[in-house]
PDB file of N, CA and C in Angstrom:
ATOM      1  N   MET A   1     -13.311  12.953  12.126  1.00  0.00           N
ATOM      2  CA  MET A   1     -12.259  13.352  11.235  1.00  0.00           C
ATOM      3  C   MET A   1     -12.132  14.872  11.249  1.00  0.00           C
ATOM      4  N   GLN A   2     -10.932  15.373  11.346  1.00  0.00           N
ATOM      5  CA  GLN A   2     -10.700  16.809  11.434  1.00  0.00           C
ATOM      6  C   GLN A   2     -10.358  17.380  10.057  1.00  0.00           C
ATOM      7  N   PHE A   3     -11.149  18.326   9.604  1.00  0.00           N
ATOM      8  CA  PHE A   3     -10.909  18.999   8.336  1.00  0.00           C
ATOM      9  C   PHE A   3     -10.551  20.455   8.590  1.00  0.00           C
ATOM     10  N   LEU A   4      -9.617  20.997   7.814  1.00  0.00           N
ATOM     11  CA  LEU A   4      -9.337  22.429   7.876  1.00  0.00           C
ATOM     12  C   LEU A   4     -10.414  23.185   7.123  1.00  0.00           C
ATOM     13  N   ARG A   5     -10.708  22.756   5.947  1.00  0.00           N
ATOM     14  CA  ARG A   5     -11.829  23.256   5.158  1.00  0.00           C
ATOM     15  C   ARG A   5     -12.242  22.105   4.260  1.00  0.00           C
ATOM     16  N   LYS A   6     -13.283  22.246   3.542  1.00  0.00           N
ATOM     17  CA  LYS A   6     -13.826  21.126   2.784  1.00  0.00           C
ATOM     18  C   LYS A   6     -12.749  20.460   1.923  1.00  0.00           C
ATOM     19  N   GLY A   7     -12.540  19.158   2.167  1.00  0.00           N
ATOM     20  CA  GLY A   7     -11.593  18.391   1.377  1.00  0.00           C
ATOM     21  C   GLY A   7     -10.160  18.425   1.861  1.00  0.00           C
ATOM     22  N   HIS A   8      -9.882  19.142   2.943  1.00  0.00           N
ATOM     23  CA  HIS A   8      -8.515  19.233   3.456  1.00  0.00           C
ATOM     24  C   HIS A   8      -8.447  18.643   4.863  1.00  0.00           C
ATOM     25  N   TYR A   9      -7.421  17.857   5.119  1.00  0.00           N
ATOM     26  CA  TYR A   9      -7.239  17.218   6.415  1.00  0.00           C
ATOM     27  C   TYR A   9      -6.307  18.030   7.299  1.00  0.00           C
ATOM     28  N   LYS A  10      -6.442  17.822   8.600  1.00  0.00           N
ATOM     29  CA  LYS A  10      -5.598  18.514   9.568  1.00  0.00           C
ATOM     30  C   LYS A  10      -4.151  18.026   9.492  1.00  0.00           C
ATOM     31  N   ASP A  11      -3.961  16.717   9.282  1.00  0.00           N
ATOM     32  CA  ASP A  11      -2.600  16.197   9.173  1.00  0.00           C
ATOM     33  C   ASP A  11      -2.532  15.064   8.151  1.00  0.00           C
ATOM     34  N   LEU A  12      -1.330  14.787   7.695  1.00  0.00           N
ATOM     35  CA  LEU A  12      -1.109  13.775   6.668  1.00  0.00           C
ATOM     36  C   LEU A  12      -1.477  12.380   7.163  1.00  0.00           C
ATOM     37  N   GLU A  13      -1.223  12.113   8.426  1.00  0.00           N
ATOM     38  CA  GLU A  13      -1.529  10.790   8.962  1.00  0.00           C
ATOM     39  C   GLU A  13      -3.021  10.487   8.883  1.00  0.00           C
ATOM     40  N   GLN A  14      -3.864  11.440   9.252  1.00  0.00           N
ATOM     41  CA  GLN A  14      -5.308  11.222   9.173  1.00  0.00           C
ATOM     42  C   GLN A  14      -5.752  11.043   7.728  1.00  0.00           C
ATOM     43  N   ALA A  15      -5.154  11.786   6.821  1.00  0.00           N
ATOM     44  CA  ALA A  15      -5.480  11.633   5.404  1.00  0.00           C
ATOM     45  C   ALA A  15      -5.103  10.236   4.921  1.00  0.00           C
ATOM     46  N   ALA A  16      -3.938   9.749   5.322  1.00  0.00           N
ATOM     47  CA  ALA A  16      -3.493   8.414   4.909  1.00  0.00           C
ATOM     48  C   ALA A  16      -4.449   7.339   5.408  1.00  0.00           C
ATOM     49  N   ILE A  17      -4.876   7.451   6.648  1.00  0.00           N
ATOM     50  CA  ILE A  17      -5.806   6.475   7.218  1.00  0.00           C
ATOM     51  C   ILE A  17      -7.119   6.474   6.445  1.00  0.00           C
ATOM     52  N   ASP A  18      -7.639   7.648   6.141  1.00  0.00           N
ATOM     53  CA  ASP A  18      -8.898   7.743   5.404  1.00  0.00           C
ATOM     54  C   ASP A  18      -8.749   7.205   3.982  1.00  0.00           C
ATOM     55  N   VAL A  19      -7.644   7.506   3.334  1.00  0.00           N
ATOM     56  CA  VAL A  19      -7.407   7.004   1.972  1.00  0.00           C
ATOM     57  C   VAL A  19      -7.363   5.478   1.977  1.00  0.00           C
ATOM     58  N   LEU A  20      -6.698   4.885   2.944  1.00  0.00           N
ATOM     59  CA  LEU A  20      -6.628   3.422   3.016  1.00  0.00           C
ATOM     60  C   LEU A  20      -8.007   2.810   3.210  1.00  0.00           C
ATOM     61  N   LYS A  21      -8.809   3.372   4.095  1.00  0.00           N
ATOM     62  CA  LYS A  21     -10.161   2.855   4.319  1.00  0.00           C
ATOM     63  C   LYS A  21     -11.008   2.962   3.055  1.00  0.00           C
ATOM     64  N   ARG A  22     -10.953   4.115   2.412  1.00  0.00           N
ATOM     65  CA  ARG A  22     -11.752   4.308   1.200  1.00  0.00           C
ATOM     66  C   ARG A  22     -11.289   3.395   0.071  1.00  0.00           C
ATOM     67  N   LEU A  23      -9.982   3.247  -0.084  1.00  0.00           N
ATOM     68  CA  LEU A  23      -9.441   2.372  -1.121  1.00  0.00           C
ATOM     69  C   LEU A  23      -9.871   0.931  -0.877  1.00  0.00           C
ATOM     70  N   SER A  24      -9.825   0.505   0.368  1.00  0.00           N
ATOM     71  CA  SER A  24     -10.244  -0.846   0.722  1.00  0.00           C
ATOM     72  C   SER A  24     -11.704  -1.087   0.342  1.00  0.00           C
ATOM     73  N   GLN A  25     -12.559  -0.097   0.546  1.00  0.00           N
ATOM     74  CA  GLN A  25     -13.974  -0.229   0.195  1.00  0.00           C
ATOM     75  C   GLN A  25     -14.173  -0.196  -1.316  1.00  0.00           C
ATOM     76  N   PHE A  26     -13.448   0.670  -1.983  1.00  0.00           N
ATOM     77  CA  PHE A  26     -13.628   0.861  -3.419  1.00  0.00           C
ATOM     78  C   PHE A  26     -13.252  -0.388  -4.206  1.00  0.00           C
ATOM     79  N   ILE A  27     -12.144  -1.022  -3.837  1.00  0.00           N
ATOM     80  CA  ILE A  27     -11.717  -2.201  -4.586  1.00  0.00           C
ATOM     81  C   ILE A  27     -12.031  -3.505  -3.849  1.00  0.00           C
ATOM     82  N   ASP A  28     -12.793  -3.411  -2.756  1.00  0.00           N
ATOM     83  CA  ASP A  28     -13.293  -4.566  -2.015  1.00  0.00           C
ATOM     84  C   ASP A  28     -12.192  -5.569  -1.665  1.00  0.00           C
ATOM     85  N   ILE A  29     -11.209  -5.093  -0.899  1.00  0.00           N
ATOM     86  CA  ILE A  29     -10.134  -5.953  -0.426  1.00  0.00           C
ATOM     87  C   ILE A  29     -10.051  -5.860   1.091  1.00  0.00           C
ATOM     88  N   ASN A  30      -9.377  -6.802   1.705  1.00  0.00           N
ATOM     89  CA  ASN A  30      -9.236  -6.809   3.159  1.00  0.00           C
ATOM     90  C   ASN A  30      -8.152  -5.851   3.628  1.00  0.00           C
ATOM     91  N   THR A  31      -7.003  -5.861   2.959  1.00  0.00           N
ATOM     92  CA  THR A  31      -5.841  -5.152   3.490  1.00  0.00           C
ATOM     93  C   THR A  31      -5.210  -4.227   2.462  1.00  0.00           C
ATOM     94  N   VAL A  32      -4.933  -3.008   2.899  1.00  0.00           N
ATOM     95  CA  VAL A  32      -4.130  -2.054   2.131  1.00  0.00           C
ATOM     96  C   VAL A  32      -3.152  -1.416   3.111  1.00  0.00           C
ATOM     97  N   PHE A  33      -1.991  -1.001   2.598  1.00  0.00           N
ATOM     98  CA  PHE A  33      -1.003  -0.404   3.489  1.00  0.00           C
ATOM     99  C   PHE A  33      -0.110   0.576   2.751  1.00  0.00           C
ATOM    100  N   ILE A  34       0.555   1.420   3.536  1.00  0.00           N
ATOM    101  CA  ILE A  34       1.560   2.352   3.037  1.00  0.00           C
ATOM    102  C   ILE A  34       2.874   1.948   3.686  1.00  0.00           C
ATOM    103  N   ALA A  35       3.930   1.849   2.870  1.00  0.00           N
ATOM    104  CA  ALA A  35       5.224   1.410   3.387  1.00  0.00           C
ATOM    105  C   ALA A  35       6.330   2.359   2.958  1.00  0.00           C
ATOM    106  N   LYS A  36       7.353   2.457   3.814  1.00  0.00           N
ATOM    107  CA  LYS A  36       8.576   3.177   3.468  1.00  0.00           C
ATOM    108  C   LYS A  36       9.594   2.137   3.017  1.00  0.00           C
ATOM    109  N   ASN A  37      10.321   2.467   1.941  1.00  0.00           N
ATOM    110  CA  ASN A  37      11.259   1.529   1.355  1.00  0.00           C
ATOM    111  C   ASN A  37      12.545   2.279   1.046  1.00  0.00           C
ATOM    112  N   ASP A  38      13.649   1.884   1.683  1.00  0.00           N
ATOM    113  CA  ASP A  38      14.930   2.544   1.416  1.00  0.00           C
ATOM    114  C   ASP A  38      15.917   1.614   0.706  1.00  0.00           C
ATOM    115  N   LYS A  39      15.411   0.565   0.081  1.00  0.00           N
ATOM    116  CA  LYS A  39      16.185  -0.456  -0.637  1.00  0.00           C
ATOM    117  C   LYS A  39      16.988  -1.358   0.298  1.00  0.00           C
ATOM    118  N   GLU A  40      16.889  -1.135   1.609  1.00  0.00           N
ATOM    119  CA  GLU A  40      17.498  -2.033   2.588  1.00  0.00           C
ATOM    120  C   GLU A  40      16.424  -2.645   3.477  1.00  0.00           C
ATOM    121  N   THR A  41      15.469  -1.805   3.902  1.00  0.00           N
ATOM    122  CA  THR A  41      14.362  -2.280   4.725  1.00  0.00           C
ATOM    123  C   THR A  41      13.046  -1.731   4.187  1.00  0.00           C
ATOM    124  N   VAL A  42      11.983  -2.427   4.524  1.00  0.00           N
ATOM    125  CA  VAL A  42      10.624  -1.994   4.207  1.00  0.00           C
ATOM    126  C   VAL A  42       9.879  -1.907   5.535  1.00  0.00           C
ATOM    127  N   GLU A  43       9.285  -0.739   5.806  1.00  0.00           N
ATOM    128  CA  GLU A  43       8.544  -0.531   7.051  1.00  0.00           C
ATOM    129  C   GLU A  43       7.107  -0.141   6.730  1.00  0.00           C
ATOM    130  N   ILE A  44       6.155  -0.842   7.319  1.00  0.00           N
ATOM    131  CA  ILE A  44       4.740  -0.532   7.145  1.00  0.00           C
ATOM    132  C   ILE A  44       4.405   0.636   8.071  1.00  0.00           C
ATOM    133  N   THR A  45       4.079   1.786   7.483  1.00  0.00           N
ATOM    134  CA  THR A  45       3.791   2.972   8.291  1.00  0.00           C
ATOM    135  C   THR A  45       2.310   3.094   8.629  1.00  0.00           C
ATOM    136  N   HIS A  46       1.443   2.650   7.741  1.00  0.00           N
ATOM    137  CA  HIS A  46      -0.003   2.666   7.984  1.00  0.00           C
ATOM    138  C   HIS A  46      -0.598   1.421   7.339  1.00  0.00           C
ATOM    139  N   SER A  47      -1.588   0.839   7.992  1.00  0.00           N
ATOM    140  CA  SER A  47      -2.277  -0.297   7.387  1.00  0.00           C
ATOM    141  C   SER A  47      -3.748  -0.273   7.785  1.00  0.00           C
ATOM    142  N   PHE A  48      -4.560  -0.862   6.930  1.00  0.00           N
ATOM    143  CA  PHE A  48      -5.983  -1.027   7.215  1.00  0.00           C
ATOM    144  C   PHE A  48      -6.333  -2.465   6.874  1.00  0.00           C
ATOM    145  N   ASN A  49      -6.815  -3.201   7.847  1.00  0.00           N
ATOM    146  CA  ASN A  49      -7.241  -4.591   7.688  1.00  0.00           C
ATOM    147  C   ASN A  49      -8.722  -4.642   8.043  1.00  0.00           C
ATOM    148  N   ARG A  50      -9.567  -4.922   7.074  1.00  0.00           N
ATOM    149  CA  ARG A  50     -11.017  -4.865   7.298  1.00  0.00           C
ATOM    150  C   ARG A  50     -11.536  -5.990   8.188  1.00  0.00           C
ATOM    151  N   ASP A  51     -11.408  -7.234   7.774  1.00  0.00           N
ATOM    152  CA  ASP A  51     -12.018  -8.347   8.496  1.00  0.00           C
ATOM    153  C   ASP A  51     -11.033  -9.138   9.355  1.00  0.00           C
ATOM    154  N   TYR A  52      -9.805  -9.213   8.944  1.00  0.00           N
ATOM    155  CA  TYR A  52      -8.812  -9.963   9.710  1.00  0.00           C
ATOM    156  C   TYR A  52      -7.428  -9.370   9.469  1.00  0.00           C
ATOM    157  N   MET A  53      -6.556  -9.539  10.458  1.00  0.00           N
ATOM    158  CA  MET A  53      -5.228  -8.945  10.430  1.00  0.00           C
ATOM    159  C   MET A  53      -4.309  -9.719   9.487  1.00  0.00           C
ATOM    160  N   ILE A  54      -3.743  -9.017   8.526  1.00  0.00           N
ATOM    161  CA  ILE A  54      -2.728  -9.599   7.651  1.00  0.00           C
ATOM    162  C   ILE A  54      -1.384  -8.940   7.916  1.00  0.00           C
ATOM    163  N   ILE A  55      -1.396  -7.627   8.033  1.00  0.00           N
ATOM    164  CA  ILE A  55      -0.146  -6.906   8.271  1.00  0.00           C
ATOM    165  C   ILE A  55      -0.406  -5.753   9.233  1.00  0.00           C
ATOM    166  N   GLU A  56       0.507  -5.574  10.183  1.00  0.00           N
ATOM    167  CA  GLU A  56       0.350  -4.545  11.208  1.00  0.00           C
ATOM    168  C   GLU A  56       1.234  -3.342  10.925  1.00  0.00           C
ATOM    169  N   GLU A  57       0.775  -2.183  11.375  1.00  0.00           N
ATOM    170  CA  GLU A  57       1.617  -0.990  11.321  1.00  0.00           C
ATOM    171  C   GLU A  57       2.866  -1.242  12.148  1.00  0.00           C
ATOM    172  N   GLY A  58       3.996  -0.781  11.656  1.00  0.00           N
ATOM    173  CA  GLY A  58       5.255  -0.964  12.365  1.00  0.00           C
ATOM    174  C   GLY A  58       6.026  -2.200  11.937  1.00  0.00           C
ATOM    175  N   PHE A  59       5.376  -3.104  11.187  1.00  0.00           N
ATOM    176  CA  PHE A  59       6.083  -4.289  10.703  1.00  0.00           C
ATOM    177  C   PHE A  59       7.243  -3.851   9.821  1.00  0.00           C
ATOM    178  N   GLU A  60       8.383  -4.506   9.992  1.00  0.00           N
ATOM    179  CA  GLU A  60       9.572  -4.165   9.211  1.00  0.00           C
ATOM    180  C   GLU A  60      10.260  -5.449   8.761  1.00  0.00           C
ATOM    181  N   THR A  61      10.773  -5.438   7.537  1.00  0.00           N
ATOM    182  CA  THR A  61      11.488  -6.591   7.003  1.00  0.00           C
ATOM    183  C   THR A  61      12.611  -6.114   6.093  1.00  0.00           C
ATOM    184  N   LYS A  62      13.507  -7.013   5.774  1.00  0.00           N
ATOM    185  CA  LYS A  62      14.576  -6.681   4.832  1.00  0.00           C
ATOM    186  C   LYS A  62      13.971  -6.494   3.450  1.00  0.00           C
ATOM    187  N   TYR A  63      14.493  -5.552   2.705  1.00  0.00           N
ATOM    188  CA  TYR A  63      14.013  -5.290   1.349  1.00  0.00           C
ATOM    189  C   TYR A  63      14.119  -6.553   0.495  1.00  0.00           C
ATOM    190  N   SER A  64      15.225  -7.274   0.630  1.00  0.00           N
ATOM    191  CA  SER A  64      15.456  -8.473  -0.184  1.00  0.00           C
ATOM    192  C   SER A  64      14.451  -9.584   0.110  1.00  0.00           C
ATOM    193  N   GLU A  65      13.789  -9.527   1.263  1.00  0.00           N
ATOM    194  CA  GLU A  65      12.812 -10.548   1.632  1.00  0.00           C
ATOM    195  C   GLU A  65      11.367 -10.103   1.404  1.00  0.00           C
ATOM    196  N   SER A  66      11.193  -8.903   0.877  1.00  0.00           N
ATOM    197  CA  SER A  66       9.834  -8.397   0.637  1.00  0.00           C
ATOM    198  C   SER A  66       9.417  -8.691  -0.798  1.00  0.00           C
ATOM    199  N   TYR A  67       8.123  -8.648  -1.031  1.00  0.00           N
ATOM    200  CA  TYR A  67       7.597  -8.838  -2.380  1.00  0.00           C
ATOM    201  C   TYR A  67       6.338  -8.049  -2.557  1.00  0.00           C
TER     202      TYR A  67
END
């Protein structure tokens, strides 16, 4: 992991990946993800699946079909 100085990441993407991994461990779940939502589509930009794949990065669906 690349840090600029203690507690700071080199880029937002690496920070997002680390946050997802830590969140998954903290609340003991298999899958966490970050999604973009424009009220028409939902796109999974980052995901972390610990033991088995539930949702992949890049998955996209209509907003009306998401929950």
